[in-house]
Amino acid sequence: MSLELRIADLESRLAFQDDTIQTLNDVLVEQQKAVDRLQLQVAALAKRQEELLGQFGPSEDEAPPPHY
């Protein structure tokens, strides 16, 4: 195998690897955006749950039900 063919093969592999790395990076960026959105949603749901528990949760001054 001549030196020119080896260099051409290496350049071809490098171009393919560059494309693959860019594709993987694009996917990673989209996944990170999705994770960030999900974290915000979970935080909002946790806050909403705390608010609802504060409104409808058992009050400490209430007597326990009779079956206790």
PDB file of N, CA and C in Angstrom:
ATOM      1  N   MET A   1       0.862  -1.175   0.000  1.00  0.00           N
ATOM      2  CA  MET A   1       0.000   0.000   0.000  1.00  0.00           C
ATOM      3  C   MET A   1       0.905   1.233   0.000  1.00  0.00           C
ATOM      4  N   SER A   2       0.642   2.097  -0.923  1.00  0.00           N
ATOM      5  CA  SER A   2       1.500   3.268  -1.065  1.00  0.00           C
ATOM      6  C   SER A   2       1.184   4.308   0.011  1.00  0.00           C
ATOM      7  N   LEU A   3       2.089   5.195   0.193  1.00  0.00           N
ATOM      8  CA  LEU A   3       1.947   6.245   1.186  1.00  0.00           C
ATOM      9  C   LEU A   3       0.752   7.131   0.865  1.00  0.00           C
ATOM     10  N   GLU A   4       0.522   7.436  -0.399  1.00  0.00           N
ATOM     11  CA  GLU A   4      -0.613   8.283  -0.790  1.00  0.00           C
ATOM     12  C   GLU A   4      -1.939   7.611  -0.458  1.00  0.00           C
ATOM     13  N   LEU A   5      -2.026   6.306  -0.682  1.00  0.00           N
ATOM     14  CA  LEU A   5      -3.260   5.584  -0.363  1.00  0.00           C
ATOM     15  C   LEU A   5      -3.486   5.544   1.153  1.00  0.00           C
ATOM     16  N   ARG A   6      -2.428   5.354   1.897  1.00  0.00           N
ATOM     17  CA  ARG A   6      -2.548   5.334   3.356  1.00  0.00           C
ATOM     18  C   ARG A   6      -2.997   6.693   3.882  1.00  0.00           C
ATOM     19  N   ILE A   7      -2.431   7.763   3.322  1.00  0.00           N
ATOM     20  CA  ILE A   7      -2.831   9.112   3.743  1.00  0.00           C
ATOM     21  C   ILE A   7      -4.284   9.381   3.367  1.00  0.00           C
ATOM     22  N   ALA A   8      -4.688   8.975   2.177  1.00  0.00           N
ATOM     23  CA  ALA A   8      -6.081   9.156   1.748  1.00  0.00           C
ATOM     24  C   ALA A   8      -7.028   8.377   2.662  1.00  0.00           C
ATOM     25  N   ASP A   9      -6.621   7.161   3.027  1.00  0.00           N
ATOM     26  CA  ASP A   9      -7.444   6.352   3.936  1.00  0.00           C
ATOM     27  C   ASP A   9      -7.564   7.023   5.298  1.00  0.00           C
ATOM     28  N   LEU A  10      -6.454   7.529   5.810  1.00  0.00           N
ATOM     29  CA  LEU A  10      -6.479   8.221   7.102  1.00  0.00           C
ATOM     30  C   LEU A  10      -7.334   9.485   7.042  1.00  0.00           C
ATOM     31  N   GLU A  11      -7.239  10.224   5.963  1.00  0.00           N
ATOM     32  CA  GLU A  11      -8.064  11.429   5.815  1.00  0.00           C
ATOM     33  C   GLU A  11      -9.540  11.071   5.757  1.00  0.00           C
ATOM     34  N   SER A  12      -9.847   9.984   5.088  1.00  0.00           N
ATOM     35  CA  SER A  12     -11.236   9.531   5.000  1.00  0.00           C
ATOM     36  C   SER A  12     -11.755   9.139   6.387  1.00  0.00           C
ATOM     37  N   ARG A  13     -10.952   8.390   7.118  1.00  0.00           N
ATOM     38  CA  ARG A  13     -11.350   7.993   8.468  1.00  0.00           C
ATOM     39  C   ARG A  13     -11.516   9.209   9.373  1.00  0.00           C
ATOM     40  N   LEU A  14     -10.619  10.155   9.256  1.00  0.00           N
ATOM     41  CA  LEU A  14     -10.701  11.366  10.064  1.00  0.00           C
ATOM     42  C   LEU A  14     -11.978  12.140   9.761  1.00  0.00           C
ATOM     43  N   ALA A  15     -12.318  12.261   8.504  1.00  0.00           N
ATOM     44  CA  ALA A  15     -13.546  12.964   8.130  1.00  0.00           C
ATOM     45  C   ALA A  15     -14.768  12.242   8.695  1.00  0.00           C
ATOM     46  N   PHE A  16     -14.773  10.915   8.619  1.00  0.00           N
ATOM     47  CA  PHE A  16     -15.882  10.142   9.157  1.00  0.00           C
ATOM     48  C   PHE A  16     -15.969  10.316  10.674  1.00  0.00           C
ATOM     49  N   GLN A  17     -14.842  10.276  11.354  1.00  0.00           N
ATOM     50  CA  GLN A  17     -14.829  10.447  12.804  1.00  0.00           C
ATOM     51  C   GLN A  17     -15.275  11.851  13.202  1.00  0.00           C
ATOM     52  N   ASP A  18     -14.857  12.851  12.467  1.00  0.00           N
ATOM     53  CA  ASP A  18     -15.302  14.221  12.748  1.00  0.00           C
ATOM     54  C   ASP A  18     -16.817  14.327  12.629  1.00  0.00           C
ATOM     55  N   ASP A  19     -17.367  13.720  11.593  1.00  0.00           N
ATOM     56  CA  ASP A  19     -18.815  13.744  11.400  1.00  0.00           C
ATOM     57  C   ASP A  19     -19.519  13.014  12.538  1.00  0.00           C
ATOM     58  N   THR A  20     -18.988  11.875  12.927  1.00  0.00           N
ATOM     59  CA  THR A  20     -19.588  11.098  14.017  1.00  0.00           C
ATOM     60  C   THR A  20     -19.537  11.870  15.331  1.00  0.00           C
ATOM     61  N   ILE A  21     -18.412  12.496  15.609  1.00  0.00           N
ATOM     62  CA  ILE A  21     -18.275  13.278  16.840  1.00  0.00           C
ATOM     63  C   ILE A  21     -19.258  14.444  16.846  1.00  0.00           C
ATOM     64  N   GLN A  22     -19.433  15.108  15.722  1.00  0.00           N
ATOM     65  CA  GLN A  22     -20.373  16.226  15.651  1.00  0.00           C
ATOM     66  C   GLN A  22     -21.806  15.738  15.859  1.00  0.00           C
ATOM     67  N   THR A  23     -22.134  14.604  15.264  1.00  0.00           N
ATOM     68  CA  THR A  23     -23.475  14.037  15.435  1.00  0.00           C
ATOM     69  C   THR A  23     -23.722  13.679  16.896  1.00  0.00           C
ATOM     70  N   LEU A  24     -22.744  13.039  17.521  1.00  0.00           N
ATOM     71  CA  LEU A  24     -22.878  12.685  18.934  1.00  0.00           C
ATOM     72  C   LEU A  24     -22.996  13.927  19.809  1.00  0.00           C
ATOM     73  N   ASN A  25     -22.243  14.955  19.489  1.00  0.00           N
ATOM     74  CA  ASN A  25     -22.322  16.201  20.245  1.00  0.00           C
ATOM     75  C   ASN A  25     -23.699  16.834  20.114  1.00  0.00           C
ATOM     76  N   ASP A  26     -24.257  16.827  18.916  1.00  0.00           N
ATOM     77  CA  ASP A  26     -25.590  17.392  18.705  1.00  0.00           C
ATOM     78  C   ASP A  26     -26.633  16.638  19.529  1.00  0.00           C
ATOM     79  N   VAL A  27     -26.523  15.316  19.553  1.00  0.00           N
ATOM     80  CA  VAL A  27     -27.459  14.508  20.341  1.00  0.00           C
ATOM     81  C   VAL A  27     -27.290  14.806  21.824  1.00  0.00           C
ATOM     82  N   LEU A  28     -26.055  14.920  22.264  1.00  0.00           N
ATOM     83  CA  LEU A  28     -25.783  15.211  23.670  1.00  0.00           C
ATOM     84  C   LEU A  28     -26.353  16.563  24.078  1.00  0.00           C
ATOM     85  N   VAL A  29     -26.231  17.553  23.235  1.00  0.00           N
ATOM     86  CA  VAL A  29     -26.771  18.886  23.531  1.00  0.00           C
ATOM     87  C   VAL A  29     -28.292  18.814  23.659  1.00  0.00           C
ATOM     88  N   GLU A  30     -28.946  18.100  22.751  1.00  0.00           N
ATOM     89  CA  GLU A  30     -30.409  17.967  22.819  1.00  0.00           C
ATOM     90  C   GLU A  30     -30.826  17.216  24.073  1.00  0.00           C
ATOM     91  N   GLN A  31     -30.092  16.180  24.439  1.00  0.00           N
ATOM     92  CA  GLN A  31     -30.420  15.437  25.652  1.00  0.00           C
ATOM     93  C   GLN A  31     -30.237  16.304  26.891  1.00  0.00           C
ATOM     94  N   GLN A  32     -29.217  17.116  26.916  1.00  0.00           N
ATOM     95  CA  GLN A  32     -29.005  17.996  28.065  1.00  0.00           C
ATOM     96  C   GLN A  32     -30.131  19.014  28.179  1.00  0.00           C
ATOM     97  N   LYS A  33     -30.591  19.523  27.042  1.00  0.00           N
ATOM     98  CA  LYS A  33     -31.732  20.446  27.075  1.00  0.00           C
ATOM     99  C   LYS A  33     -32.971  19.743  27.627  1.00  0.00           C
ATOM    100  N   ALA A  34     -33.183  18.493  27.216  1.00  0.00           N
ATOM    101  CA  ALA A  34     -34.331  17.729  27.709  1.00  0.00           C
ATOM    102  C   ALA A  34     -34.204  17.487  29.210  1.00  0.00           C
ATOM    103  N   VAL A  35     -33.016  17.151  29.680  1.00  0.00           N
ATOM    104  CA  VAL A  35     -32.792  16.929  31.110  1.00  0.00           C
ATOM    105  C   VAL A  35     -33.056  18.213  31.887  1.00  0.00           C
ATOM    106  N   ASP A  36     -32.592  19.334  31.370  1.00  0.00           N
ATOM    107  CA  ASP A  36     -32.825  20.618  32.041  1.00  0.00           C
ATOM    108  C   ASP A  36     -34.316  20.920  32.140  1.00  0.00           C
ATOM    109  N   ARG A  37     -35.045  20.692  31.037  1.00  0.00           N
ATOM    110  CA  ARG A  37     -36.499  20.923  31.070  1.00  0.00           C
ATOM    111  C   ARG A  37     -37.177  20.004  32.083  1.00  0.00           C
ATOM    112  N   LEU A  38     -36.776  18.741  32.115  1.00  0.00           N
ATOM    113  CA  LEU A  38     -37.379  17.791  33.051  1.00  0.00           C
ATOM    114  C   LEU A  38     -37.071  18.164  34.496  1.00  0.00           C
ATOM    115  N   GLN A  39     -35.869  18.647  34.760  1.00  0.00           N
ATOM    116  CA  GLN A  39     -35.533  19.071  36.120  1.00  0.00           C
ATOM    117  C   GLN A  39     -36.391  20.253  36.549  1.00  0.00           C
ATOM    118  N   LEU A  40     -36.631  21.182  35.639  1.00  0.00           N
ATOM    119  CA  LEU A  40     -37.503  22.310  35.962  1.00  0.00           C
ATOM    120  C   LEU A  40     -38.935  21.836  36.230  1.00  0.00           C
ATOM    121  N   GLN A  41     -39.402  20.885  35.434  1.00  0.00           N
ATOM    122  CA  GLN A  41     -40.753  20.365  35.630  1.00  0.00           C
ATOM    123  C   GLN A  41     -40.883  19.631  36.960  1.00  0.00           C
ATOM    124  N   VAL A  42     -39.870  18.848  37.309  1.00  0.00           N
ATOM    125  CA  VAL A  42     -39.905  18.125  38.577  1.00  0.00           C
ATOM    126  C   VAL A  42     -39.890  19.109  39.743  1.00  0.00           C
ATOM    127  N   ALA A  43     -39.082  20.144  39.644  1.00  0.00           N
ATOM    128  CA  ALA A  43     -39.046  21.146  40.706  1.00  0.00           C
ATOM    129  C   ALA A  43     -40.392  21.845  40.835  1.00  0.00           C
ATOM    130  N   ALA A  44     -41.009  22.175  39.713  1.00  0.00           N
ATOM    131  CA  ALA A  44     -42.323  22.830  39.758  1.00  0.00           C
ATOM    132  C   ALA A  44     -43.378  21.899  40.352  1.00  0.00           C
ATOM    133  N   LEU A  45     -43.314  20.616  39.996  1.00  0.00           N
ATOM    134  CA  LEU A  45     -44.279  19.660  40.551  1.00  0.00           C
ATOM    135  C   LEU A  45     -44.062  19.456  42.050  1.00  0.00           C
ATOM    136  N   ALA A  46     -42.813  19.430  42.487  1.00  0.00           N
ATOM    137  CA  ALA A  46     -42.533  19.278  43.913  1.00  0.00           C
ATOM    138  C   ALA A  46     -43.062  20.481  44.685  1.00  0.00           C
ATOM    139  N   LYS A  47     -42.867  21.667  44.126  1.00  0.00           N
ATOM    140  CA  LYS A  47     -43.370  22.880  44.782  1.00  0.00           C
ATOM    141  C   LYS A  47     -44.889  22.856  44.838  1.00  0.00           C
ATOM    142  N   ARG A  48     -45.504  22.442  43.744  1.00  0.00           N
ATOM    143  CA  ARG A  48     -46.974  22.380  43.716  1.00  0.00           C
ATOM    144  C   ARG A  48     -47.492  21.356  44.717  1.00  0.00           C
ATOM    145  N   GLN A  49     -46.808  20.219  44.828  1.00  0.00           N
ATOM    146  CA  GLN A  49     -47.225  19.201  45.783  1.00  0.00           C
ATOM    147  C   GLN A  49     -47.132  19.724  47.212  1.00  0.00           C
ATOM    148  N   GLU A  50     -46.066  20.438  47.517  1.00  0.00           N
ATOM    149  CA  GLU A  50     -45.921  21.010  48.857  1.00  0.00           C
ATOM    150  C   GLU A  50     -47.038  22.008  49.145  1.00  0.00           C
ATOM    151  N   GLU A  51     -47.386  22.811  48.138  1.00  0.00           N
ATOM    152  CA  GLU A  51     -48.468  23.782  48.325  1.00  0.00           C
ATOM    153  C   GLU A  51     -49.796  23.073  48.566  1.00  0.00           C
ATOM    154  N   LEU A  52     -50.044  22.009  47.807  1.00  0.00           N
ATOM    155  CA  LEU A  52     -51.300  21.283  47.978  1.00  0.00           C
ATOM    156  C   LEU A  52     -51.348  20.559  49.316  1.00  0.00           C
ATOM    157  N   LEU A  53     -50.228  20.001  49.734  1.00  0.00           N
ATOM    158  CA  LEU A  53     -50.201  19.349  51.040  1.00  0.00           C
ATOM    159  C   LEU A  53     -50.439  20.362  52.145  1.00  0.00           C
ATOM    160  N   GLY A  54     -49.946  21.579  51.960  1.00  0.00           N
ATOM    161  CA  GLY A  54     -50.174  22.627  52.951  1.00  0.00           C
ATOM    162  C   GLY A  54     -51.636  23.017  53.021  1.00  0.00           C
ATOM    163  N   GLN A  55     -52.335  22.970  51.900  1.00  0.00           N
ATOM    164  CA  GLN A  55     -53.748  23.343  51.875  1.00  0.00           C
ATOM    165  C   GLN A  55     -54.650  22.207  52.339  1.00  0.00           C
ATOM    166  N   PHE A  56     -54.325  20.991  51.931  1.00  0.00           N
ATOM    167  CA  PHE A  56     -55.240  19.877  52.173  1.00  0.00           C
ATOM    168  C   PHE A  56     -54.676  18.811  53.105  1.00  0.00           C
ATOM    169  N   GLY A  57     -53.470  18.979  53.550  1.00  0.00           N
ATOM    170  CA  GLY A  57     -52.848  17.987  54.427  1.00  0.00           C
ATOM    171  C   GLY A  57     -53.459  18.029  55.812  1.00  0.00           C
ATOM    172  N   PRO A  58     -53.229  16.989  56.579  1.00  0.00           N
ATOM    173  CA  PRO A  58     -53.787  16.970  57.939  1.00  0.00           C
ATOM    174  C   PRO A  58     -53.143  18.046  58.796  1.00  0.00           C
ATOM    175  N   SER A  59     -53.967  18.699  59.521  1.00  0.00           N
ATOM    176  CA  SER A  59     -53.485  19.746  60.413  1.00  0.00           C
ATOM    177  C   SER A  59     -53.067  19.098  61.730  1.00  0.00           C
ATOM    178  N   GLU A  60     -52.047  19.643  62.375  1.00  0.00           N
ATOM    179  CA  GLU A  60     -51.549  19.051  63.612  1.00  0.00           C
ATOM    180  C   GLU A  60     -52.540  19.212  64.765  1.00  0.00           C
ATOM    181  N   ASP A  61     -53.422  20.209  64.708  1.00  0.00           N
ATOM    182  CA  ASP A  61     -54.369  20.408  65.796  1.00  0.00           C
ATOM    183  C   ASP A  61     -55.624  19.568  65.637  1.00  0.00           C
ATOM    184  N   GLU A  62     -55.739  18.816  64.548  1.00  0.00           N
ATOM    185  CA  GLU A  62     -56.885  17.941  64.372  1.00  0.00           C
ATOM    186  C   GLU A  62     -56.661  16.658  65.148  1.00  0.00           C
ATOM    187  N   ALA A  63     -57.709  16.124  65.699  1.00  0.00           N
ATOM    188  CA  ALA A  63     -57.620  14.859  66.406  1.00  0.00           C
ATOM    189  C   ALA A  63     -57.505  13.711  65.401  1.00  0.00           C
ATOM    190  N   PRO A  64     -56.786  12.659  65.751  1.00  0.00           N
ATOM    191  CA  PRO A  64     -56.688  11.541  64.809  1.00  0.00           C
ATOM    192  C   PRO A  64     -58.042  10.865  64.651  1.00  0.00           C
ATOM    193  N   PRO A  65     -58.232  10.180  63.550  1.00  0.00           N
ATOM    194  CA  PRO A  65     -59.514   9.494  63.360  1.00  0.00           C
ATOM    195  C   PRO A  65     -59.746   8.440  64.453  1.00  0.00           C
ATOM    196  N   PRO A  66     -60.996   8.068  64.655  1.00  0.00           N
ATOM    197  CA  PRO A  66     -61.319   7.162  65.769  1.00  0.00           C
ATOM    198  C   PRO A  66     -60.671   5.779  65.663  1.00  0.00           C
ATOM    199  N   HIS A  67     -60.305   5.328  64.530  1.00  0.00           N
ATOM    200  CA  HIS A  67     -59.747   3.991  64.418  1.00  0.00           C
ATOM    201  C   HIS A  67     -58.295   3.890  64.868  1.00  0.00           C
ATOM    202  N   TYR A  68     -57.684   4.988  65.335  1.00  0.00           N
ATOM    203  CA  TYR A  68     -56.320   4.939  65.842  1.00  0.00           C
ATOM    204  C   TYR A  68     -56.288   4.653  67.307  1.00  0.00           C
TER     205      TYR A  68
END
